[in-house]
Structures are given as structure tokens and as C-alpha cells.
Amino acid sequence: MIGLSHSNVIKKRNKYLHKKENLDEKGVKQERRRKILEEKLKFQIELIKKRLKNQKIKFHKDIFFDCV
């Protein structure tokens, strides 16, 4: 009986560690996606600022569609 209970403990521990690794990987992927989205948004904002400077603050519909 001692051997069986010990193997169950090991199985549960391995299952827990595996879940924890998966969560860590998901967190890393989400962080990477978030950084990429931030960079894209910063680039879009810079483009909008440049366009506004060049157009002397004339608003066009295409400016707002680019940032979506």
C-alpha cells in the first residue's frame, strides 16, 4: 500500500508541475502578443501625428480607419 500511495503522490505532483509549465508558457505568449500590439499601436499613433501635422489639422475618415 505504501508503494501505491507514493506513486499517486508522484503522479499528482507531476500533473501539477505540467499544468504550471503550461500556464507559464501561456503567460509568456500573452506577454509577447501584448508587446507586439503595443508596438503596432505606437507606430499607428506616430503615423497619425505626422499626417495631422502635414494636413494642418484637417480630419479625414481614412485617418481614423487606419488606427482600428
N, C-alpha and C. Protein backbone atom coordinates (compact mmCIF):
# COMPACT_ATOMS: atom_id res chain seq x y z
N MET A 1 0.82 -1.20 0.00
CA MET A 1 0.00 0.00 0.00
C MET A 1 0.86 1.27 0.00
N ILE A 2 1.99 1.22 0.66
CA ILE A 2 2.85 2.40 0.72
C ILE A 2 3.33 2.75 -0.69
N GLY A 3 3.68 1.75 -1.48
CA GLY A 3 4.17 1.99 -2.84
C GLY A 3 3.12 2.65 -3.71
N LEU A 4 1.87 2.21 -3.60
CA LEU A 4 0.80 2.78 -4.41
C LEU A 4 0.52 4.23 -4.04
N SER A 5 0.44 4.50 -2.76
CA SER A 5 0.15 5.87 -2.35
C SER A 5 1.29 6.80 -2.75
N HIS A 6 2.51 6.30 -2.67
CA HIS A 6 3.66 7.11 -3.06
C HIS A 6 3.61 7.41 -4.56
N SER A 7 3.26 6.42 -5.37
CA SER A 7 3.19 6.65 -6.81
C SER A 7 2.06 7.63 -7.15
N ASN A 8 0.97 7.58 -6.40
CA ASN A 8 -0.12 8.54 -6.63
C ASN A 8 0.33 9.96 -6.31
N VAL A 9 1.11 10.11 -5.27
CA VAL A 9 1.63 11.43 -4.90
C VAL A 9 2.53 11.95 -6.02
N ILE A 10 3.37 11.09 -6.55
CA ILE A 10 4.28 11.49 -7.64
C ILE A 10 3.47 11.88 -8.87
N LYS A 11 2.43 11.09 -9.19
CA LYS A 11 1.60 11.41 -10.36
C LYS A 11 0.93 12.77 -10.19
N LYS A 12 0.39 13.01 -8.99
CA LYS A 12 -0.28 14.30 -8.76
C LYS A 12 0.72 15.45 -8.84
N ARG A 13 1.90 15.24 -8.30
CA ARG A 13 2.92 16.29 -8.35
C ARG A 13 3.31 16.57 -9.80
N ASN A 14 3.53 15.52 -10.58
CA ASN A 14 3.89 15.70 -11.99
C ASN A 14 2.78 16.41 -12.76
N LYS A 15 1.53 16.04 -12.46
CA LYS A 15 0.40 16.68 -13.12
C LYS A 15 0.36 18.17 -12.78
N TYR A 16 0.59 18.49 -11.51
CA TYR A 16 0.61 19.89 -11.08
C TYR A 16 1.73 20.66 -11.76
N LEU A 17 2.92 20.07 -11.81
CA LEU A 17 4.06 20.74 -12.44
C LEU A 17 3.81 20.95 -13.92
N HIS A 18 3.19 19.97 -14.58
CA HIS A 18 2.89 20.10 -16.01
C HIS A 18 1.91 21.25 -16.25
N LYS A 19 0.86 21.34 -15.40
CA LYS A 19 -0.11 22.43 -15.53
C LYS A 19 0.58 23.77 -15.32
N LYS A 20 1.46 23.82 -14.33
CA LYS A 20 2.16 25.07 -14.02
C LYS A 20 3.02 25.50 -15.21
N GLU A 21 3.71 24.55 -15.85
CA GLU A 21 4.52 24.87 -17.02
C GLU A 21 3.66 25.43 -18.15
N ASN A 22 2.50 24.80 -18.37
CA ASN A 22 1.60 25.27 -19.43
C ASN A 22 1.12 26.69 -19.15
N LEU A 23 0.80 26.98 -17.88
CA LEU A 23 0.36 28.33 -17.53
C LEU A 23 1.48 29.34 -17.75
N ASP A 24 2.70 28.96 -17.39
CA ASP A 24 3.84 29.85 -17.60
C ASP A 24 4.03 30.14 -19.07
N GLU A 25 3.92 29.10 -19.92
CA GLU A 25 4.08 29.29 -21.36
C GLU A 25 2.99 30.21 -21.91
N LYS A 26 1.75 30.04 -21.43
CA LYS A 26 0.65 30.90 -21.88
C LYS A 26 0.92 32.34 -21.48
N GLY A 27 1.43 32.53 -20.27
CA GLY A 27 1.73 33.88 -19.81
C GLY A 27 2.79 34.54 -20.67
N VAL A 28 3.81 33.77 -21.06
CA VAL A 28 4.88 34.31 -21.91
C VAL A 28 4.32 34.68 -23.27
N LYS A 29 3.46 33.81 -23.82
CA LYS A 29 2.87 34.08 -25.14
C LYS A 29 2.00 35.33 -25.08
N GLN A 30 1.20 35.47 -24.02
CA GLN A 30 0.34 36.64 -23.89
C GLN A 30 1.17 37.91 -23.76
N GLU A 31 2.24 37.83 -23.01
CA GLU A 31 3.13 38.99 -22.84
C GLU A 31 3.74 39.39 -24.18
N ARG A 32 4.16 38.40 -24.96
CA ARG A 32 4.74 38.66 -26.27
C ARG A 32 3.71 39.32 -27.19
N ARG A 33 2.48 38.79 -27.19
CA ARG A 33 1.42 39.37 -28.02
C ARG A 33 1.13 40.81 -27.61
N ARG A 34 1.10 41.05 -26.30
CA ARG A 34 0.82 42.39 -25.79
C ARG A 34 1.88 43.38 -26.24
N LYS A 35 3.14 42.97 -26.19
CA LYS A 35 4.23 43.85 -26.62
C LYS A 35 4.13 44.15 -28.11
N ILE A 36 3.81 43.14 -28.91
CA ILE A 36 3.67 43.35 -30.36
C ILE A 36 2.53 44.33 -30.63
N LEU A 37 1.40 44.16 -29.94
CA LEU A 37 0.28 45.08 -30.14
C LEU A 37 0.63 46.50 -29.72
N GLU A 38 1.38 46.63 -28.62
CA GLU A 38 1.81 47.96 -28.19
C GLU A 38 2.67 48.63 -29.25
N GLU A 39 3.58 47.88 -29.84
CA GLU A 39 4.45 48.43 -30.88
C GLU A 39 3.63 48.87 -32.09
N LYS A 40 2.65 48.05 -32.48
CA LYS A 40 1.81 48.40 -33.62
C LYS A 40 1.03 49.68 -33.34
N LEU A 41 0.48 49.79 -32.13
CA LEU A 41 -0.30 50.98 -31.79
C LEU A 41 0.58 52.22 -31.74
N LYS A 42 1.79 52.09 -31.20
CA LYS A 42 2.71 53.24 -31.17
C LYS A 42 3.02 53.70 -32.59
N PHE A 43 3.24 52.76 -33.48
CA PHE A 43 3.53 53.09 -34.87
C PHE A 43 2.34 53.81 -35.50
N GLN A 44 1.13 53.30 -35.27
CA GLN A 44 -0.07 53.93 -35.82
C GLN A 44 -0.24 55.35 -35.28
N ILE A 45 0.03 55.55 -33.99
CA ILE A 45 -0.09 56.88 -33.39
C ILE A 45 0.90 57.84 -34.03
N GLU A 46 2.12 57.39 -34.24
CA GLU A 46 3.12 58.24 -34.89
C GLU A 46 2.68 58.62 -36.30
N LEU A 47 2.13 57.67 -37.04
CA LEU A 47 1.64 57.97 -38.39
C LEU A 47 0.53 59.03 -38.35
N ILE A 48 -0.38 58.89 -37.42
CA ILE A 48 -1.48 59.84 -37.30
C ILE A 48 -0.94 61.23 -36.96
N LYS A 49 0.01 61.30 -36.05
CA LYS A 49 0.59 62.60 -35.69
C LYS A 49 1.26 63.25 -36.89
N LYS A 50 1.99 62.47 -37.66
CA LYS A 50 2.65 63.02 -38.85
C LYS A 50 1.63 63.52 -39.86
N ARG A 51 0.57 62.75 -40.06
CA ARG A 51 -0.47 63.16 -41.01
C ARG A 51 -1.15 64.45 -40.56
N LEU A 52 -1.43 64.54 -39.26
CA LEU A 52 -2.09 65.74 -38.75
C LEU A 52 -1.21 66.97 -38.92
N LYS A 53 0.08 66.83 -38.70
CA LYS A 53 1.00 67.95 -38.88
C LYS A 53 1.02 68.37 -40.35
N ASN A 54 1.06 67.41 -41.24
CA ASN A 54 1.13 67.71 -42.67
C ASN A 54 -0.17 68.29 -43.23
N GLN A 55 -1.29 67.93 -42.65
CA GLN A 55 -2.57 68.36 -43.20
C GLN A 55 -3.13 69.60 -42.51
N LYS A 56 -2.39 70.20 -41.63
CA LYS A 56 -2.84 71.39 -40.90
C LYS A 56 -4.18 71.14 -40.21
N ILE A 57 -4.25 70.02 -39.51
CA ILE A 57 -5.40 69.63 -38.69
C ILE A 57 -6.70 69.57 -39.50
N LYS A 58 -6.64 68.97 -40.65
CA LYS A 58 -7.84 68.64 -41.41
C LYS A 58 -8.12 67.16 -41.15
N PHE A 59 -9.30 66.85 -40.70
CA PHE A 59 -9.63 65.47 -40.36
C PHE A 59 -10.26 64.77 -41.56
N HIS A 60 -9.75 63.60 -41.84
CA HIS A 60 -10.30 62.77 -42.90
C HIS A 60 -10.69 61.42 -42.32
N LYS A 61 -11.64 60.77 -42.93
CA LYS A 61 -12.12 59.49 -42.43
C LYS A 61 -11.03 58.43 -42.44
N ASP A 62 -10.14 58.44 -43.42
CA ASP A 62 -9.13 57.38 -43.52
C ASP A 62 -8.16 57.40 -42.35
N ILE A 63 -7.95 58.53 -41.71
CA ILE A 63 -7.04 58.59 -40.56
C ILE A 63 -7.59 57.72 -39.43
N PHE A 64 -8.88 57.82 -39.19
CA PHE A 64 -9.46 57.07 -38.08
C PHE A 64 -9.59 55.59 -38.40
N PHE A 65 -9.74 55.23 -39.66
CA PHE A 65 -9.83 53.81 -40.01
C PHE A 65 -8.47 53.14 -39.93
N ASP A 66 -7.39 53.87 -40.11
CA ASP A 66 -6.06 53.28 -40.04
C ASP A 66 -5.72 52.81 -38.63
N CYS A 67 -6.22 53.49 -37.61
CA CYS A 67 -5.83 53.15 -36.25
C CYS A 67 -6.67 52.02 -35.66
N VAL A 68 -7.66 51.54 -36.37
CA VAL A 68 -8.51 50.45 -35.86
C VAL A 68 -7.89 49.12 -36.16
